[in-house]
Amino acid sequence: MPITYKINVLAELKEKGYPTTVLRKEKILGESAIQRLRHRQSVSYTVLARVCKLLNCQPGDILEYVDDE
């Protein structure tokens, strides 16, 4: 996949005070979104926007394009 994660999103969220237990309990992110982030798979724009808000960053701080060639 040419779009990859530059950071470990769940580790960064945990550092900001949002461990996975809080994300689930407060229904900030669903279980499927957490699993997709854990396995470095793509997520929806809605999830990406929510992560950006929590981390106070831009999508480009999280994702990067890597040419497959």
PDB file of N, CA and C in Angstrom:
ATOM      1  N   MET A   1       0.848  -1.173   0.000  1.00  0.00           N
ATOM      2  CA  MET A   1       0.000   0.000   0.000  1.00  0.00           C
ATOM      3  C   MET A   1       0.896   1.241   0.000  1.00  0.00           C
ATOM      4  N   PRO A   2       0.672   2.169  -0.882  1.00  0.00           N
ATOM      5  CA  PRO A   2       1.557   3.325  -0.979  1.00  0.00           C
ATOM      6  C   PRO A   2       1.390   4.359   0.143  1.00  0.00           C
ATOM      7  N   ILE A   3       0.301   4.324   0.887  1.00  0.00           N
ATOM      8  CA  ILE A   3       0.131   5.236   2.022  1.00  0.00           C
ATOM      9  C   ILE A   3       0.471   4.458   3.287  1.00  0.00           C
ATOM     10  N   THR A   4       1.439   4.956   4.062  1.00  0.00           N
ATOM     11  CA  THR A   4       1.862   4.273   5.281  1.00  0.00           C
ATOM     12  C   THR A   4       1.830   5.236   6.462  1.00  0.00           C
ATOM     13  N   TYR A   5       1.887   4.668   7.640  1.00  0.00           N
ATOM     14  CA  TYR A   5       1.902   5.464   8.864  1.00  0.00           C
ATOM     15  C   TYR A   5       3.328   5.881   9.188  1.00  0.00           C
ATOM     16  N   LYS A   6       3.513   7.134   9.532  1.00  0.00           N
ATOM     17  CA  LYS A   6       4.815   7.649   9.937  1.00  0.00           C
ATOM     18  C   LYS A   6       5.044   7.426  11.434  1.00  0.00           C
ATOM     19  N   ILE A   7       3.958   7.275  12.174  1.00  0.00           N
ATOM     20  CA  ILE A   7       4.054   7.126  13.631  1.00  0.00           C
ATOM     21  C   ILE A   7       3.229   5.922  14.070  1.00  0.00           C
ATOM     22  N   ASN A   8       3.475   5.480  15.278  1.00  0.00           N
ATOM     23  CA  ASN A   8       2.629   4.466  15.902  1.00  0.00           C
ATOM     24  C   ASN A   8       1.479   5.234  16.551  1.00  0.00           C
ATOM     25  N   VAL A   9       0.344   5.235  15.907  1.00  0.00           N
ATOM     26  CA  VAL A   9      -0.788   6.060  16.330  1.00  0.00           C
ATOM     27  C   VAL A   9      -1.255   5.713  17.734  1.00  0.00           C
ATOM     28  N   LEU A  10      -1.400   4.441  18.032  1.00  0.00           N
ATOM     29  CA  LEU A  10      -1.891   4.045  19.356  1.00  0.00           C
ATOM     30  C   LEU A  10      -0.903   4.425  20.453  1.00  0.00           C
ATOM     31  N   ALA A  11       0.384   4.332  20.188  1.00  0.00           N
ATOM     32  CA  ALA A  11       1.392   4.739  21.181  1.00  0.00           C
ATOM     33  C   ALA A  11       1.327   6.244  21.420  1.00  0.00           C
ATOM     34  N   GLU A  12       1.140   7.010  20.354  1.00  0.00           N
ATOM     35  CA  GLU A  12       1.029   8.468  20.497  1.00  0.00           C
ATOM     36  C   GLU A  12      -0.236   8.851  21.259  1.00  0.00           C
ATOM     37  N   LEU A  13      -1.336   8.171  20.978  1.00  0.00           N
ATOM     38  CA  LEU A  13      -2.577   8.438  21.708  1.00  0.00           C
ATOM     39  C   LEU A  13      -2.407   8.112  23.189  1.00  0.00           C
ATOM     40  N   LYS A  14      -1.754   7.003  23.472  1.00  0.00           N
ATOM     41  CA  LYS A  14      -1.518   6.615  24.864  1.00  0.00           C
ATOM     42  C   LYS A  14      -0.684   7.672  25.573  1.00  0.00           C
ATOM     43  N   GLU A  15       0.341   8.174  24.899  1.00  0.00           N
ATOM     44  CA  GLU A  15       1.195   9.207  25.472  1.00  0.00           C
ATOM     45  C   GLU A  15       0.412  10.480  25.786  1.00  0.00           C
ATOM     46  N   LYS A  16      -0.610  10.764  24.973  1.00  0.00           N
ATOM     47  CA  LYS A  16      -1.446  11.962  25.178  1.00  0.00           C
ATOM     48  C   LYS A  16      -2.574  11.720  26.176  1.00  0.00           C
ATOM     49  N   GLY A  17      -2.607  10.521  26.781  1.00  0.00           N
ATOM     50  CA  GLY A  17      -3.626  10.238  27.790  1.00  0.00           C
ATOM     51  C   GLY A  17      -4.829   9.471  27.284  1.00  0.00           C
ATOM     52  N   TYR A  18      -4.691   8.856  26.117  1.00  0.00           N
ATOM     53  CA  TYR A  18      -5.789   8.086  25.539  1.00  0.00           C
ATOM     54  C   TYR A  18      -5.369   6.642  25.272  1.00  0.00           C
ATOM     55  N   PRO A  19      -5.178   5.838  26.332  1.00  0.00           N
ATOM     56  CA  PRO A  19      -4.886   4.422  26.085  1.00  0.00           C
ATOM     57  C   PRO A  19      -6.109   3.746  25.464  1.00  0.00           C
ATOM     58  N   THR A  20      -5.918   2.571  24.921  1.00  0.00           N
ATOM     59  CA  THR A  20      -7.013   1.898  24.220  1.00  0.00           C
ATOM     60  C   THR A  20      -8.218   1.652  25.128  1.00  0.00           C
ATOM     61  N   THR A  21      -7.980   1.434  26.415  1.00  0.00           N
ATOM     62  CA  THR A  21      -9.121   1.228  27.314  1.00  0.00           C
ATOM     63  C   THR A  21     -10.008   2.466  27.372  1.00  0.00           C
ATOM     64  N   VAL A  22      -9.392   3.641  27.393  1.00  0.00           N
ATOM     65  CA  VAL A  22     -10.158   4.902  27.413  1.00  0.00           C
ATOM     66  C   VAL A  22     -10.845   5.114  26.067  1.00  0.00           C
ATOM     67  N   LEU A  23     -10.131   4.824  24.973  1.00  0.00           N
ATOM     68  CA  LEU A  23     -10.725   4.983  23.640  1.00  0.00           C
ATOM     69  C   LEU A  23     -11.990   4.146  23.503  1.00  0.00           C
ATOM     70  N   ARG A  24     -11.945   2.924  24.035  1.00  0.00           N
ATOM     71  CA  ARG A  24     -13.117   2.030  23.974  1.00  0.00           C
ATOM     72  C   ARG A  24     -14.207   2.482  24.945  1.00  0.00           C
ATOM     73  N   LYS A  25     -13.824   2.684  26.198  1.00  0.00           N
ATOM     74  CA  LYS A  25     -14.790   2.985  27.255  1.00  0.00           C
ATOM     75  C   LYS A  25     -15.578   4.264  26.974  1.00  0.00           C
ATOM     76  N   GLU A  26     -14.878   5.295  26.505  1.00  0.00           N
ATOM     77  CA  GLU A  26     -15.533   6.573  26.223  1.00  0.00           C
ATOM     78  C   GLU A  26     -16.055   6.649  24.789  1.00  0.00           C
ATOM     79  N   LYS A  27     -15.953   5.546  24.077  1.00  0.00           N
ATOM     80  CA  LYS A  27     -16.451   5.427  22.695  1.00  0.00           C
ATOM     81  C   LYS A  27     -15.870   6.501  21.780  1.00  0.00           C
ATOM     82  N   ILE A  28     -14.576   6.759  21.962  1.00  0.00           N
ATOM     83  CA  ILE A  28     -13.877   7.717  21.116  1.00  0.00           C
ATOM     84  C   ILE A  28     -13.557   7.062  19.777  1.00  0.00           C
ATOM     85  N   LEU A  29     -13.104   5.811  19.836  1.00  0.00           N
ATOM     86  CA  LEU A  29     -12.850   5.002  18.641  1.00  0.00           C
ATOM     87  C   LEU A  29     -13.449   3.626  18.860  1.00  0.00           C
ATOM     88  N   GLY A  30     -13.969   3.046  17.792  1.00  0.00           N
ATOM     89  CA  GLY A  30     -14.528   1.710  17.878  1.00  0.00           C
ATOM     90  C   GLY A  30     -13.441   0.649  17.870  1.00  0.00           C
ATOM     91  N   GLU A  31     -13.819  -0.539  18.262  1.00  0.00           N
ATOM     92  CA  GLU A  31     -12.870  -1.656  18.314  1.00  0.00           C
ATOM     93  C   GLU A  31     -12.233  -1.931  16.960  1.00  0.00           C
ATOM     94  N   SER A  32     -13.019  -1.868  15.901  1.00  0.00           N
ATOM     95  CA  SER A  32     -12.461  -2.148  14.569  1.00  0.00           C
ATOM     96  C   SER A  32     -11.430  -1.096  14.169  1.00  0.00           C
ATOM     97  N   ALA A  33     -11.667   0.158  14.505  1.00  0.00           N
ATOM     98  CA  ALA A  33     -10.708   1.218  14.191  1.00  0.00           C
ATOM     99  C   ALA A  33      -9.417   1.015  14.984  1.00  0.00           C
ATOM    100  N   ILE A  34      -9.545   0.648  16.243  1.00  0.00           N
ATOM    101  CA  ILE A  34      -8.365   0.393  17.075  1.00  0.00           C
ATOM    102  C   ILE A  34      -7.553  -0.765  16.499  1.00  0.00           C
ATOM    103  N   GLN A  35      -8.232  -1.831  16.094  1.00  0.00           N
ATOM    104  CA  GLN A  35      -7.533  -2.983  15.512  1.00  0.00           C
ATOM    105  C   GLN A  35      -6.858  -2.611  14.198  1.00  0.00           C
ATOM    106  N   ARG A  36      -7.515  -1.816  13.387  1.00  0.00           N
ATOM    107  CA  ARG A  36      -6.917  -1.401  12.107  1.00  0.00           C
ATOM    108  C   ARG A  36      -5.680  -0.531  12.361  1.00  0.00           C
ATOM    109  N   LEU A  37      -5.739   0.350  13.334  1.00  0.00           N
ATOM    110  CA  LEU A  37      -4.578   1.171  13.686  1.00  0.00           C
ATOM    111  C   LEU A  37      -3.456   0.301  14.245  1.00  0.00           C
ATOM    112  N   ARG A  38      -3.815  -0.684  15.062  1.00  0.00           N
ATOM    113  CA  ARG A  38      -2.818  -1.582  15.653  1.00  0.00           C
ATOM    114  C   ARG A  38      -2.052  -2.336  14.564  1.00  0.00           C
ATOM    115  N   HIS A  39      -2.756  -2.732  13.514  1.00  0.00           N
ATOM    116  CA  HIS A  39      -2.140  -3.500  12.427  1.00  0.00           C
ATOM    117  C   HIS A  39      -1.690  -2.619  11.262  1.00  0.00           C
ATOM    118  N   ARG A  40      -1.692  -1.304  11.509  1.00  0.00           N
ATOM    119  CA  ARG A  40      -1.215  -0.322  10.525  1.00  0.00           C
ATOM    120  C   ARG A  40      -1.955  -0.430   9.190  1.00  0.00           C
ATOM    121  N   GLN A  41      -3.268  -0.650   9.287  1.00  0.00           N
ATOM    122  CA  GLN A  41      -4.131  -0.708   8.111  1.00  0.00           C
ATOM    123  C   GLN A  41      -4.841   0.629   7.951  1.00  0.00           C
ATOM    124  N   SER A  42      -5.446   0.829   6.789  1.00  0.00           N
ATOM    125  CA  SER A  42      -6.126   2.099   6.531  1.00  0.00           C
ATOM    126  C   SER A  42      -7.386   2.233   7.389  1.00  0.00           C
ATOM    127  N   VAL A  43      -7.707   3.477   7.693  1.00  0.00           N
ATOM    128  CA  VAL A  43      -8.921   3.789   8.457  1.00  0.00           C
ATOM    129  C   VAL A  43      -9.707   4.846   7.687  1.00  0.00           C
ATOM    130  N   SER A  44     -10.935   5.055   8.091  1.00  0.00           N
ATOM    131  CA  SER A  44     -11.787   6.035   7.411  1.00  0.00           C
ATOM    132  C   SER A  44     -11.314   7.456   7.698  1.00  0.00           C
ATOM    133  N   TYR A  45     -11.781   8.383   6.881  1.00  0.00           N
ATOM    134  CA  TYR A  45     -11.467   9.792   7.103  1.00  0.00           C
ATOM    135  C   TYR A  45     -12.017  10.263   8.444  1.00  0.00           C
ATOM    136  N   THR A  46     -13.137   9.728   8.852  1.00  0.00           N
ATOM    137  CA  THR A  46     -13.731  10.101  10.133  1.00  0.00           C
ATOM    138  C   THR A  46     -12.803   9.726  11.283  1.00  0.00           C
ATOM    139  N   VAL A  47     -12.272   8.511  11.235  1.00  0.00           N
ATOM    140  CA  VAL A  47     -11.341   8.058  12.270  1.00  0.00           C
ATOM    141  C   VAL A  47     -10.061   8.887  12.213  1.00  0.00           C
ATOM    142  N   LEU A  48      -9.564   9.106  11.021  1.00  0.00           N
ATOM    143  CA  LEU A  48      -8.351   9.901  10.852  1.00  0.00           C
ATOM    144  C   LEU A  48      -8.547  11.314  11.410  1.00  0.00           C
ATOM    145  N   ALA A  49      -9.683  11.917  11.142  1.00  0.00           N
ATOM    146  CA  ALA A  49      -9.981  13.254  11.656  1.00  0.00           C
ATOM    147  C   ALA A  49     -10.042  13.254  13.179  1.00  0.00           C
ATOM    148  N   ARG A  50     -10.644  12.230  13.752  1.00  0.00           N
ATOM    149  CA  ARG A  50     -10.740  12.135  15.208  1.00  0.00           C
ATOM    150  C   ARG A  50      -9.348  11.987  15.831  1.00  0.00           C
ATOM    151  N   VAL A  51      -8.497  11.172  15.214  1.00  0.00           N
ATOM    152  CA  VAL A  51      -7.129  10.987  15.705  1.00  0.00           C
ATOM    153  C   VAL A  51      -6.361  12.306  15.615  1.00  0.00           C
ATOM    154  N   CYS A  52      -6.514  13.001  14.498  1.00  0.00           N
ATOM    155  CA  CYS A  52      -5.845  14.301  14.340  1.00  0.00           C
ATOM    156  C   CYS A  52      -6.281  15.282  15.410  1.00  0.00           C
ATOM    157  N   LYS A  53      -7.554  15.282  15.736  1.00  0.00           N
ATOM    158  CA  LYS A  53      -8.061  16.182  16.779  1.00  0.00           C
ATOM    159  C   LYS A  53      -7.458  15.824  18.134  1.00  0.00           C
ATOM    160  N   LEU A  54      -7.415  14.536  18.457  1.00  0.00           N
ATOM    161  CA  LEU A  54      -6.875  14.105  19.740  1.00  0.00           C
ATOM    162  C   LEU A  54      -5.381  14.401  19.862  1.00  0.00           C
ATOM    163  N   LEU A  55      -4.654  14.236  18.758  1.00  0.00           N
ATOM    164  CA  LEU A  55      -3.204  14.457  18.770  1.00  0.00           C
ATOM    165  C   LEU A  55      -2.826  15.896  18.423  1.00  0.00           C
ATOM    166  N   ASN A  56      -3.834  16.705  18.064  1.00  0.00           N
ATOM    167  CA  ASN A  56      -3.598  18.090  17.657  1.00  0.00           C
ATOM    168  C   ASN A  56      -2.550  18.151  16.536  1.00  0.00           C
ATOM    169  N   CYS A  57      -2.847  17.435  15.452  1.00  0.00           N
ATOM    170  CA  CYS A  57      -1.904  17.381  14.334  1.00  0.00           C
ATOM    171  C   CYS A  57      -2.664  17.347  13.009  1.00  0.00           C
ATOM    172  N   GLN A  58      -1.936  17.298  11.932  1.00  0.00           N
ATOM    173  CA  GLN A  58      -2.487  17.219  10.586  1.00  0.00           C
ATOM    174  C   GLN A  58      -2.323  15.785  10.061  1.00  0.00           C
ATOM    175  N   PRO A  59      -3.151  15.368   9.089  1.00  0.00           N
ATOM    176  CA  PRO A  59      -3.007  14.018   8.529  1.00  0.00           C
ATOM    177  C   PRO A  59      -1.591  13.739   8.016  1.00  0.00           C
ATOM    178  N   GLY A  60      -0.927  14.744   7.488  1.00  0.00           N
ATOM    179  CA  GLY A  60       0.427  14.568   6.991  1.00  0.00           C
ATOM    180  C   GLY A  60       1.445  14.270   8.088  1.00  0.00           C
ATOM    181  N   ASP A  61       1.081  14.556   9.339  1.00  0.00           N
ATOM    182  CA  ASP A  61       1.950  14.207  10.462  1.00  0.00           C
ATOM    183  C   ASP A  61       1.843  12.724  10.800  1.00  0.00           C
ATOM    184  N   ILE A  62       0.786  12.089  10.330  1.00  0.00           N
ATOM    185  CA  ILE A  62       0.520  10.690  10.636  1.00  0.00           C
ATOM    186  C   ILE A  62       0.827   9.783   9.442  1.00  0.00           C
ATOM    187  N   LEU A  63       0.466  10.248   8.246  1.00  0.00           N
ATOM    188  CA  LEU A  63       0.578   9.430   7.027  1.00  0.00           C
ATOM    189  C   LEU A  63       1.608   9.979   6.055  1.00  0.00           C
ATOM    190  N   GLU A  64       2.143   9.084   5.232  1.00  0.00           N
ATOM    191  CA  GLU A  64       3.025   9.512   4.154  1.00  0.00           C
ATOM    192  C   GLU A  64       2.834   8.599   2.948  1.00  0.00           C
ATOM    193  N   TYR A  65       3.107   9.151   1.794  1.00  0.00           N
ATOM    194  CA  TYR A  65       3.045   8.399   0.542  1.00  0.00           C
ATOM    195  C   TYR A  65       4.426   7.824   0.257  1.00  0.00           C
ATOM    196  N   VAL A  66       4.468   6.509  -0.004  1.00  0.00           N
ATOM    197  CA  VAL A  66       5.714   5.851  -0.362  1.00  0.00           C
ATOM    198  C   VAL A  66       5.494   5.178  -1.706  1.00  0.00           C
ATOM    199  N   ASP A  67       6.275   5.564  -2.689  1.00  0.00           N
ATOM    200  CA  ASP A  67       6.155   5.005  -4.028  1.00  0.00           C
ATOM    201  C   ASP A  67       6.489   3.514  -4.013  1.00  0.00           C
ATOM    202  N   ASP A  68       5.685   2.711  -4.666  1.00  0.00           N
ATOM    203  CA  ASP A  68       5.878   1.252  -4.691  1.00  0.00           C
ATOM    204  C   ASP A  68       7.019   0.803  -5.587  1.00  0.00           C
ATOM    205  N   GLU A  69       7.531   1.671  -6.407  1.00  0.00           N
ATOM    206  CA  GLU A  69       8.547   1.264  -7.380  1.00  0.00           C
ATOM    207  C   GLU A  69       9.817   0.843  -6.747  1.00  0.00           C
TER     208      GLU A  69
END
